[in-house]
Each structure stands twice: as C-alpha cells, then as structure tokens.
Amino acid sequence: MNGPSRRQRRLALAGMLVMLCPIGTAGAQTAPPFAQLLRQAQTAPRVTALDADVARAQGLAEQARARPNPFINVYAENFAGDLQNNARNQQQTTFQIDQPIELGGKRSARIAAGEAGIAAAQARNRDGRLLFATELARAYASAEVAERRIALAEDEVEEATADLKVARALVGAGKEARLRQLQAETELATLEADLEVARAQKTAALARLSGLAGSPTTFTGVGESLLDRMNARPSSGPVDPMQATTVKVAEAEREAAARAVTVQQRLAVPNITAQLGVRQLRVASGPAVVAGVSVPLPFFDRNRGNIDAARADLQGAEARAAAARLEAETGARAAFVLVQAADTRAVAAQRTMRTAEEAYRLARIAYEAGKAPLIELLAARHNLGAARGVILDADIARLDARANLARLSGLSITGEAVQ
C-alpha cells in the first residue's frame, strides 16, 4: 500500500468523523474553517487591544474640543486692621469670574490634530487586523503542516517496519548478514523518534493557534486544509501598492505629525484672561462692577523647544511615509513573482514525488528478490521521505507567498476583506 493512498483514506475518515461527531464534543475542540475562525477571533486580545487604541484616540479628540474652564475668585480687603483709623469701615469684598480666552486658533488646531489622531489609529487598526489575519493563517497552516508531518512519519515508520520484516526473513534464510538487520532496526528506531517529535510539534502548533485565536480550550485539529485551497489559483488583479495598509498608516501618521506642529505653533500665541466681578464696599450703599484683562508677556517661554520637537517628528514621519511607499512598490512586484515561483516549485515537487515513489517501489521489489542490497532500499526510502518533505515545504512556501499577496490586497488568505 503506497503512502498517498493511505493519506487519502485518513483524510477521508477524518472528514467523516468531523461531520458525524456532535457539535458539543468534537466540534468544540476542532478549529473551525479558517474564515469562520477569523470571524470568531475578533474578540481575541490582539484585536481588542487594537480597538482600544482607536477608542483612546477618539477620547483624546473629544477632549480636544473642550474650552477652558472659568475661575471664580473671592477677594476680601481691609477686614482686619487698625480700628482707630476705621480700617473696618473701608472693608471691601469682591466676587470675580476669570474666563481664559484662547487666541490664535488653538482650539481649531487641537480639534484637527485630534481628528488626525483618530485617522491614524484607524489606519493602524486595519493594518493590525490584516497582520493578525496573516499570522492566524500561518498558525492555522502550521497546525495542518504538523498533522501532515505526522502522517508522513507514520508512513515512513510503516514502510520501515515492512522493510525490517523482509530483512529479518532474508537474514533467517541466510541471504543477508546480521548487520543488515541491525541497520534496518536502527533506521526504524530513528523514524519512530521522528514520529514522536512530529506529534509534539503538532501539540505546540495547536496550542499556539488556540492562544492566538483567543480560544479558551486548546484545539485538537483543524477543520479545513488551507494548503489544499492554495491548489486553486484565484484570479487577482494588479495590486495598487499605494493602497497598502502600511502606506496608509505612514501617511496618516505623517498627517497627524503635521497637525501636531500646528498645535505647538499656535500654543506660542499668548492667551488672555477676561475678568468681570462685583465689589461690595462696607460704607457704600450698593455694589460696584469691576472688569479687567490679564495678558501674559512671552519674554521667556515661546514654546520653541516643543515646536522644534514637533517638526522633527514630522520630518521622521515624512521619511517613514516615503520608505513605506517604496517598500510597498517593491513588495507588490515581489509578491507576484514569489507566488508564481511557489506554484512552479509545487508542480516540480509533485514530479519529484512520483519519481521517488517509483524508485522506492522498484528498489523494494529488487531487495525482496535478493537482487539489490539493503543499502539501496534504505537510500530509496530516504529519497522518498525527502521528496515528501519537499512537497510539504513547497506547499508552505506557496501559502506564505499567497498570504503576503493577500495582505497587500487588504484581504485574508481566503479572500475575505479585513476591515
């Protein structure tokens, strides 16, 4: 029985078990299809943190609209002193309200900066969600790859066990030296150890997938094959690199930095404080109205340091925006090339696999007939195992290339728009 036939039967049996098992048992432990898992993961800690950053920016923007609060002052004069000179008869009590008045467009500058901060936070939110979707897809695929490595290791252990039986029979018949049996036993022990490592890697991959998705329980498997979905080559038009989320983030942060410069420049304009109050004189029959204006003199603090710092931030943001545009342009060109190369590599790996399977089949027939030494059979099986690994590596590279292209397009790897 060849390896691919056994794997196909295992996958078919696994699919039937998933469909037949109750939702409350197996369904609760198996990761759903990727698109469904991505929707469920919108409450994961990573996504919640992104939403909190947007809420913070909205709160700061709301605060930017607030006007300065007024002050209430109470002054008492001549309420104590020399009684012989009638100091108490000159007692005065003043109730006064001071209202700071912002000049130079400070409030409008703050509001514009707050709105730019919201736009930047929203851009970072979308970029973070795309990055999360990409990492989730890779974690999902890693769990699937771990399952496939277990299947490959089980196939190799089964084949090595069958080869060991043949070697023992030939040794018992005097057609092979005892050394050949020991070589086959050593090979089997090595493959069994590799199988245990593959099982441990699957456990680790599923634990990482569960943690990334925010699942309270650890998944025991995945509900679909992302690697097989890559066999269907979706039609996709050219990607506009200027629409990439990394470019949008850099541009939004540059705009926010420009607004911050304006805020600091407006802060250099002094504010005034309008004063209006009522003064009650002890010897007078009625109150007196008092008014005034307080104006600071900008002799020492003209906010120059903060303006220079804000301009430096703007300069850095402009440089990062230019770098993001260049990286997006080169990344878009490279993404298509890598996808095409990964598809070509996958096709070549399939041809290599068919050749290695036929070579192993012929080597085993020759060994069982006593026409080939055990070393040739072991070499053929090593080549078959390497070919299986090449196919898996090619599938991983293809998924990684498609994931990068999908992120540039603002999509998940399965084609859903990420908002």
Protein backbone atom coordinates (compact mmCIF):
# COMPACT_ATOMS: atom_id res chain seq x y z
CA MET A 1 0.00 0.00 0.00
CA ASN A 2 1.60 3.29 -1.06
CA GLY A 3 1.79 6.44 1.08
CA PRO A 4 -0.62 8.71 -0.85
CA SER A 5 -3.42 6.14 -0.76
CA ARG A 6 -3.12 5.77 2.99
CA ARG A 7 -3.12 9.54 3.50
CA GLN A 8 -6.19 9.98 1.31
CA ARG A 9 -8.06 7.37 3.33
CA ARG A 10 -7.00 9.04 6.61
CA LEU A 11 -8.19 12.45 5.42
CA ALA A 12 -11.49 11.00 4.23
CA LEU A 13 -12.02 9.23 7.56
CA ALA A 14 -11.16 12.38 9.49
CA GLY A 15 -13.67 14.36 7.45
CA MET A 16 -16.41 11.81 8.13
CA LEU A 17 -15.69 11.88 11.86
CA VAL A 18 -15.89 15.67 11.94
CA MET A 19 -19.27 15.58 10.19
CA LEU A 20 -20.69 12.77 12.31
CA CYS A 21 -19.46 13.86 15.75
CA PRO A 22 -21.79 16.07 17.81
CA ILE A 23 -21.08 19.79 17.85
CA GLY A 24 -20.75 19.86 21.61
CA THR A 25 -17.91 17.33 21.68
CA ALA A 26 -15.57 17.16 18.73
CA GLY A 27 -16.82 20.39 17.17
CA ALA A 28 -15.87 22.33 20.29
CA GLN A 29 -12.29 21.03 20.11
CA THR A 30 -11.62 21.19 16.37
CA ALA A 31 -10.72 24.56 14.91
CA PRO A 32 -13.48 25.66 12.51
CA PRO A 33 -12.71 26.55 8.87
CA PHE A 34 -10.32 29.46 8.68
CA ALA A 35 -12.82 32.12 7.56
CA GLN A 36 -15.12 31.23 10.47
CA LEU A 37 -12.22 31.16 12.93
CA LEU A 38 -11.11 34.59 11.75
CA ARG A 39 -14.58 35.99 12.44
CA GLN A 40 -14.69 34.37 15.86
CA ALA A 41 -11.24 35.74 16.70
CA GLN A 42 -12.44 39.36 16.55
CA THR A 43 -12.69 39.24 20.34
CA ALA A 44 -9.15 37.91 20.74
CA PRO A 45 -6.84 40.00 22.96
CA ARG A 46 -4.76 41.15 19.97
CA VAL A 47 -7.81 42.59 18.20
CA THR A 48 -9.29 44.02 21.40
CA ALA A 49 -6.05 45.92 22.02
CA LEU A 50 -6.28 47.44 18.53
CA ASP A 51 -9.84 48.59 19.18
CA ALA A 52 -8.78 50.09 22.49
CA ASP A 53 -6.18 52.23 20.69
CA VAL A 54 -8.92 53.64 18.43
CA ALA A 55 -11.15 54.33 21.44
CA ARG A 56 -8.25 56.16 23.10
CA ALA A 57 -7.76 58.36 20.05
CA GLN A 58 -11.48 59.13 19.97
CA GLY A 59 -11.37 60.14 23.63
CA LEU A 60 -8.43 62.45 23.03
CA ALA A 61 -10.21 64.00 20.05
CA GLU A 62 -13.30 64.60 22.15
CA GLN A 63 -11.21 66.25 24.86
CA ALA A 64 -9.58 68.49 22.25
CA ARG A 65 -12.94 70.18 21.68
CA ALA A 66 -13.22 71.30 25.31
CA ARG A 67 -12.93 75.01 26.07
CA PRO A 68 -11.03 76.40 29.09
CA ASN A 69 -12.96 76.44 32.35
CA PRO A 70 -13.70 79.77 34.07
CA PHE A 71 -12.30 80.63 37.51
CA ILE A 72 -14.28 82.07 40.43
CA ASN A 73 -12.32 84.36 42.74
CA VAL A 74 -13.32 85.91 46.07
CA TYR A 75 -11.24 88.77 47.47
CA ALA A 76 -11.65 90.37 50.90
CA GLU A 77 -9.81 93.60 51.75
CA ASN A 78 -9.50 95.58 54.97
CA PHE A 79 -11.40 93.02 57.00
CA ALA A 80 -8.81 93.38 59.75
CA GLY A 81 -6.54 96.22 60.74
CA ASP A 82 -6.27 99.38 62.83
CA LEU A 83 -9.68 100.02 64.42
CA GLN A 84 -8.72 103.58 65.46
CA ASN A 85 -8.25 104.61 61.82
CA ASN A 86 -11.57 102.99 60.84
CA ALA A 87 -9.97 100.25 58.76
CA ARG A 88 -13.08 98.12 59.09
CA ASN A 89 -15.19 100.90 57.62
CA GLN A 90 -13.16 100.50 54.41
CA GLN A 91 -13.75 96.75 54.11
CA GLN A 92 -14.26 95.52 50.54
CA THR A 93 -15.44 92.14 49.24
CA THR A 94 -15.05 91.27 45.56
CA PHE A 95 -16.63 88.35 43.71
CA GLN A 96 -14.92 87.88 40.35
CA ILE A 97 -15.07 85.46 37.39
CA ASP A 98 -11.99 84.95 35.20
CA GLN A 99 -12.51 83.41 31.76
CA PRO A 100 -9.41 82.38 29.77
CA ILE A 101 -9.82 83.15 26.07
CA GLU A 102 -7.72 81.18 23.61
CA LEU A 103 -6.27 83.18 20.76
CA GLY A 104 -4.51 82.16 17.57
CA GLY A 105 -6.81 79.25 16.64
CA LYS A 106 -5.58 76.91 19.35
CA ARG A 107 -8.89 75.07 19.72
CA SER A 108 -9.35 74.51 15.99
CA ALA A 109 -5.77 73.25 15.76
CA ARG A 110 -6.37 70.82 18.63
CA ILE A 111 -9.57 69.56 17.01
CA ALA A 112 -7.81 68.99 13.69
CA ALA A 113 -4.98 67.18 15.47
CA GLY A 114 -7.49 65.00 17.34
CA GLU A 115 -9.26 64.02 14.12
CA ALA A 116 -5.91 63.23 12.51
CA GLY A 117 -5.10 61.07 15.53
CA ILE A 118 -8.32 59.12 15.03
CA ALA A 119 -7.50 58.58 11.35
CA ALA A 120 -4.02 57.33 12.26
CA ALA A 121 -5.40 54.98 14.93
CA GLN A 122 -7.97 53.60 12.50
CA ALA A 123 -5.26 53.04 9.88
CA ARG A 124 -3.12 51.21 12.46
CA ASN A 125 -6.17 49.22 13.49
CA ARG A 126 -6.80 47.96 9.96
CA ASP A 127 -3.11 47.20 9.40
CA GLY A 128 -3.00 45.36 12.71
CA ARG A 129 -6.08 43.33 11.81
CA LEU A 130 -4.50 42.36 8.49
CA LEU A 131 -1.30 41.36 10.26
CA PHE A 132 -3.34 39.36 12.77
CA ALA A 133 -5.25 37.61 9.94
CA THR A 134 -1.94 36.75 8.27
CA GLU A 135 -0.42 35.38 11.47
CA LEU A 136 -3.60 33.44 12.21
CA ALA A 137 -3.47 31.89 8.72
CA ARG A 138 0.15 30.89 9.22
CA ALA A 139 -0.62 29.42 12.64
CA TYR A 140 -3.58 27.53 11.14
CA ALA A 141 -1.36 26.23 8.34
CA SER A 142 1.37 25.32 10.85
CA ALA A 143 -1.11 23.09 12.70
CA GLU A 144 -2.09 21.48 9.41
CA VAL A 145 1.58 21.03 8.45
CA ALA A 146 2.22 19.36 11.80
CA GLU A 147 -0.63 16.93 11.11
CA ARG A 148 0.81 16.15 7.69
CA ARG A 149 4.27 15.61 9.12
CA ILE A 150 2.76 13.07 11.50
CA ALA A 151 1.14 11.29 8.55
CA LEU A 152 4.44 11.30 6.67
CA ALA A 153 6.28 9.99 9.72
CA GLU A 154 3.69 7.26 10.21
CA ASP A 155 4.07 6.24 6.55
CA GLU A 156 7.84 6.05 6.93
CA VAL A 157 7.55 4.02 10.14
CA GLU A 158 5.15 1.63 8.43
CA GLU A 159 7.44 1.27 5.43
CA ALA A 160 10.50 0.81 7.65
CA THR A 161 8.65 -1.85 9.67
CA ALA A 162 7.81 -3.72 6.47
CA ASP A 163 11.42 -3.45 5.29
CA LEU A 164 12.63 -4.76 8.66
CA LYS A 165 10.40 -7.82 8.32
CA VAL A 166 11.89 -8.54 4.92
CA ALA A 167 15.41 -8.04 6.28
CA ARG A 168 14.76 -10.45 9.15
CA ALA A 169 13.39 -13.04 6.73
CA LEU A 170 16.43 -12.73 4.50
CA VAL A 171 18.78 -12.93 7.49
CA GLY A 172 16.92 -16.01 8.72
CA ALA A 173 17.27 -17.58 5.29
CA GLY A 174 20.98 -16.85 5.29
CA LYS A 175 20.74 -14.45 2.36
CA GLU A 176 21.71 -11.36 4.37
CA ALA A 177 24.20 -10.67 7.09
CA ARG A 178 23.06 -9.94 10.64
CA LEU A 179 24.46 -6.41 10.18
CA ARG A 180 21.70 -5.63 7.66
CA GLN A 181 19.01 -6.46 10.19
CA LEU A 182 20.67 -4.19 12.76
CA GLN A 183 20.79 -1.39 10.18
CA ALA A 184 17.07 -1.80 9.50
CA GLU A 185 16.28 -1.83 13.22
CA THR A 186 18.33 1.34 13.77
CA GLU A 187 16.53 3.03 10.89
CA LEU A 188 13.15 2.09 12.35
CA ALA A 189 14.07 3.39 15.80
CA THR A 190 15.16 6.72 14.29
CA LEU A 191 11.91 7.09 12.37
CA GLU A 192 9.84 6.26 15.46
CA ALA A 193 11.67 9.01 17.34
CA ASP A 194 10.93 11.41 14.48
CA LEU A 195 7.27 10.46 14.75
CA GLU A 196 7.18 11.41 18.43
CA VAL A 197 8.82 14.75 17.62
CA ALA A 198 6.19 15.39 14.95
CA ARG A 199 3.40 14.67 17.44
CA ALA A 200 4.94 17.10 19.95
CA GLN A 201 5.20 19.76 17.23
CA LYS A 202 1.52 19.29 16.44
CA THR A 203 0.59 19.85 20.08
CA ALA A 204 2.68 23.02 20.17
CA ALA A 205 1.23 24.30 16.89
CA LEU A 206 -2.36 23.74 18.03
CA ALA A 207 -1.64 25.43 21.36
CA ARG A 208 -0.25 28.48 19.56
CA LEU A 209 -3.25 28.58 17.22
CA SER A 210 -5.64 28.38 20.17
CA GLY A 211 -3.85 31.14 22.05
CA LEU A 212 -3.70 33.42 19.02
CA ALA A 213 -7.40 32.92 18.30
CA GLY A 214 -8.32 33.54 21.94
CA SER A 215 -9.90 30.10 22.33
CA PRO A 216 -10.50 29.06 25.97
CA THR A 217 -9.75 25.43 25.03
CA THR A 218 -6.88 24.01 23.01
CA PHE A 219 -7.84 22.80 19.56
CA THR A 220 -7.22 19.16 18.68
CA GLY A 221 -7.15 19.68 14.92
CA VAL A 222 -8.13 21.97 12.09
CA GLY A 223 -11.42 21.92 10.21
CA GLU A 224 -10.11 22.51 6.70
CA SER A 225 -6.93 22.36 4.65
CA LEU A 226 -5.52 25.76 3.78
CA LEU A 227 -2.72 24.09 1.84
CA ASP A 228 -5.20 22.32 -0.44
CA ARG A 229 -7.07 25.60 -1.00
CA MET A 230 -3.87 27.00 -2.46
CA ASN A 231 -4.16 24.48 -5.32
CA ALA A 232 -6.95 26.63 -6.78
CA ARG A 233 -5.24 29.71 -8.12
CA PRO A 234 -7.58 32.65 -7.53
CA SER A 235 -7.70 35.31 -10.18
CA SER A 236 -6.44 38.58 -8.76
CA GLY A 237 -5.88 41.86 -10.50
CA PRO A 238 -2.85 44.08 -10.02
CA VAL A 239 -2.28 45.33 -6.51
CA ASP A 240 -2.08 49.08 -6.04
CA PRO A 241 0.85 49.47 -3.62
CA MET A 242 -0.33 52.93 -2.60
CA GLN A 243 -3.47 51.34 -1.14
CA ALA A 244 -1.46 49.03 1.14
CA THR A 245 -2.26 49.44 4.81
CA THR A 246 1.39 50.10 5.67
CA VAL A 247 1.33 53.10 3.32
CA LYS A 248 -1.99 54.29 4.73
CA VAL A 249 -0.62 54.09 8.27
CA ALA A 250 2.53 56.03 7.39
CA GLU A 251 0.55 58.73 5.57
CA ALA A 252 -1.95 59.06 8.42
CA GLU A 253 0.85 59.35 10.96
CA ARG A 254 2.56 61.99 8.80
CA GLU A 255 -0.69 63.99 8.73
CA ALA A 256 -1.06 63.66 12.50
CA ALA A 257 2.54 64.86 12.95
CA ALA A 258 1.83 67.88 10.72
CA ARG A 259 -1.22 68.74 12.81
CA ALA A 260 0.87 68.45 15.96
CA VAL A 261 3.30 71.03 14.58
CA THR A 262 0.40 73.42 14.03
CA VAL A 263 -0.80 72.87 17.59
CA GLN A 264 2.62 73.70 19.04
CA GLN A 265 2.91 76.80 16.83
CA ARG A 266 -0.49 78.05 17.97
CA LEU A 267 0.46 77.49 21.60
CA ALA A 268 3.16 80.15 21.20
CA VAL A 269 0.41 82.78 20.86
CA PRO A 270 -0.44 84.16 24.35
CA ASN A 271 -3.95 83.77 25.70
CA ILE A 272 -5.82 86.48 27.52
CA THR A 273 -7.99 86.21 30.60
CA ALA A 274 -11.13 88.35 30.80
CA GLN A 275 -12.15 89.38 34.33
CA LEU A 276 -15.56 90.51 35.49
CA GLY A 277 -16.66 90.95 39.08
CA VAL A 278 -18.75 92.71 41.70
CA ARG A 279 -17.19 94.63 44.61
CA GLN A 280 -19.16 95.40 47.76
CA LEU A 281 -17.96 98.35 49.87
CA ARG A 282 -18.90 98.41 53.56
CA VAL A 283 -19.63 102.15 53.60
CA ALA A 284 -21.33 102.22 50.20
CA SER A 285 -25.00 101.67 49.62
CA GLY A 286 -24.54 99.40 46.58
CA PRO A 287 -22.04 97.19 44.80
CA ALA A 288 -19.50 98.32 42.19
CA VAL A 289 -18.73 96.46 38.95
CA VAL A 290 -15.07 95.69 38.24
CA ALA A 291 -13.59 94.38 34.99
CA GLY A 292 -10.14 93.72 33.65
CA VAL A 293 -7.98 91.81 31.19
CA SER A 294 -4.88 89.75 32.00
CA VAL A 295 -2.30 89.24 29.24
CA PRO A 296 0.90 87.18 29.72
CA LEU A 297 4.15 88.59 28.38
CA PRO A 298 6.04 85.97 26.31
CA PHE A 299 9.50 87.10 27.32
CA PHE A 300 10.95 83.73 28.34
CA ASP A 301 8.72 80.88 27.11
CA ARG A 302 7.78 80.98 23.44
CA ASN A 303 7.32 77.22 23.08
CA ARG A 304 10.25 76.99 20.69
CA GLY A 305 11.51 73.67 22.03
CA ASN A 306 8.16 71.96 21.58
CA ILE A 307 7.84 73.41 18.07
CA ASP A 308 11.28 72.09 17.10
CA ALA A 309 10.46 68.68 18.56
CA ALA A 310 7.17 68.53 16.65
CA ARG A 311 8.93 69.50 13.43
CA ALA A 312 11.47 66.73 13.99
CA ASP A 313 8.61 64.27 14.49
CA LEU A 314 7.10 65.48 11.22
CA GLN A 315 10.40 65.04 9.42
CA GLY A 316 10.66 61.49 10.70
CA ALA A 317 7.05 60.73 9.75
CA GLU A 318 7.65 62.02 6.22
CA ALA A 319 10.73 59.81 5.89
CA ARG A 320 8.78 56.78 7.15
CA ALA A 321 5.98 57.51 4.70
CA ALA A 322 8.44 57.68 1.81
CA ALA A 323 10.04 54.41 2.95
CA ALA A 324 6.62 52.75 3.26
CA ARG A 325 5.72 53.76 -0.31
CA LEU A 326 8.99 52.35 -1.66
CA GLU A 327 8.62 49.13 0.31
CA ALA A 328 5.03 48.72 -0.86
CA GLU A 329 6.01 49.18 -4.50
CA THR A 330 8.84 46.66 -4.32
CA GLY A 331 6.75 44.33 -2.16
CA ALA A 332 3.89 44.31 -4.67
CA ARG A 333 6.24 43.42 -7.52
CA ALA A 334 7.98 40.74 -5.46
CA ALA A 335 4.70 39.23 -4.24
CA PHE A 336 3.55 38.24 -7.71
CA VAL A 337 6.95 36.81 -8.59
CA LEU A 338 7.06 34.79 -5.38
CA VAL A 339 3.55 33.43 -5.94
CA GLN A 340 4.46 32.30 -9.45
CA ALA A 341 7.71 30.78 -8.24
CA ALA A 342 5.93 28.96 -5.41
CA ASP A 343 3.38 27.50 -7.83
CA THR A 344 6.15 26.32 -10.16
CA ARG A 345 8.02 24.81 -7.22
CA ALA A 346 4.90 22.92 -6.11
CA VAL A 347 4.45 21.40 -9.59
CA ALA A 348 8.11 20.35 -9.72
CA ALA A 349 7.83 18.81 -6.24
CA GLN A 350 4.92 16.66 -7.40
CA ARG A 351 7.02 15.31 -10.29
CA THR A 352 9.88 14.58 -7.90
CA MET A 353 7.46 12.77 -5.61
CA ARG A 354 6.20 10.48 -8.35
CA THR A 355 9.75 9.63 -9.38
CA ALA A 356 10.81 8.86 -5.79
CA GLU A 357 7.76 6.63 -5.23
CA GLU A 358 8.52 4.61 -8.34
CA ALA A 359 12.20 4.31 -7.38
CA TYR A 360 11.28 3.05 -3.90
CA ARG A 361 8.80 0.55 -5.34
CA LEU A 362 11.40 -0.86 -7.72
CA ALA A 363 14.10 -0.92 -5.02
CA ARG A 364 11.86 -2.87 -2.68
CA ILE A 365 10.94 -5.42 -5.36
CA ALA A 366 14.61 -5.88 -6.13
CA TYR A 367 15.53 -6.23 -2.45
CA GLU A 368 12.79 -8.78 -1.76
CA ALA A 369 14.02 -10.78 -4.74
CA GLY A 370 17.58 -10.64 -3.44
CA LYS A 371 18.80 -8.62 -6.43
CA ALA A 372 19.67 -5.43 -4.53
CA PRO A 373 21.36 -4.76 -1.19
CA LEU A 374 19.61 -3.22 1.80
CA ILE A 375 21.62 -0.02 1.42
CA GLU A 376 19.90 0.69 -1.90
CA LEU A 377 16.48 0.16 -0.35
CA LEU A 378 17.32 2.50 2.54
CA ALA A 379 18.61 5.12 0.12
CA ALA A 380 15.43 4.87 -1.97
CA ARG A 381 13.28 5.28 1.13
CA HIS A 382 15.34 8.27 2.26
CA ASN A 383 14.82 9.85 -1.13
CA LEU A 384 11.09 9.18 -0.88
CA GLY A 385 10.93 10.79 2.55
CA ALA A 386 12.90 13.79 1.28
CA ALA A 387 10.53 14.13 -1.69
CA ARG A 388 7.54 14.12 0.63
CA GLY A 389 9.19 16.83 2.69
CA VAL A 390 9.89 18.85 -0.46
CA ILE A 391 6.20 18.76 -1.35
CA LEU A 392 5.27 19.96 2.12
CA ASP A 393 7.89 22.71 2.02
CA ALA A 394 6.62 23.80 -1.39
CA ASP A 395 3.07 23.98 -0.06
CA ILE A 396 4.24 26.07 2.90
CA ALA A 397 6.13 28.45 0.61
CA ARG A 398 3.09 28.79 -1.63
CA LEU A 399 0.82 29.59 1.30
CA ASP A 400 3.31 32.12 2.65
CA ALA A 401 3.54 33.85 -0.74
CA ARG A 402 -0.25 33.95 -1.08
CA ALA A 403 -0.57 35.31 2.46
CA ASN A 404 1.81 38.19 1.68
CA LEU A 405 -0.05 38.99 -1.54
CA ALA A 406 -3.40 38.88 0.27
CA ARG A 407 -2.15 41.28 2.92
CA LEU A 408 -1.03 43.76 0.25
CA SER A 409 -4.52 43.47 -1.24
CA GLY A 410 -6.21 44.08 2.12
CA LEU A 411 -7.65 40.55 2.21
CA SER A 412 -7.33 37.45 4.32
CA ILE A 413 -5.71 34.43 2.70
CA THR A 414 -9.17 33.03 1.93
CA GLY A 415 -10.27 36.22 0.19
CA GLU A 416 -12.35 37.94 2.88
CA ALA A 417 -11.99 41.71 3.24
CA VAL A 418 -10.40 42.66 6.57
CA GLN A 419 -11.85 45.90 7.98
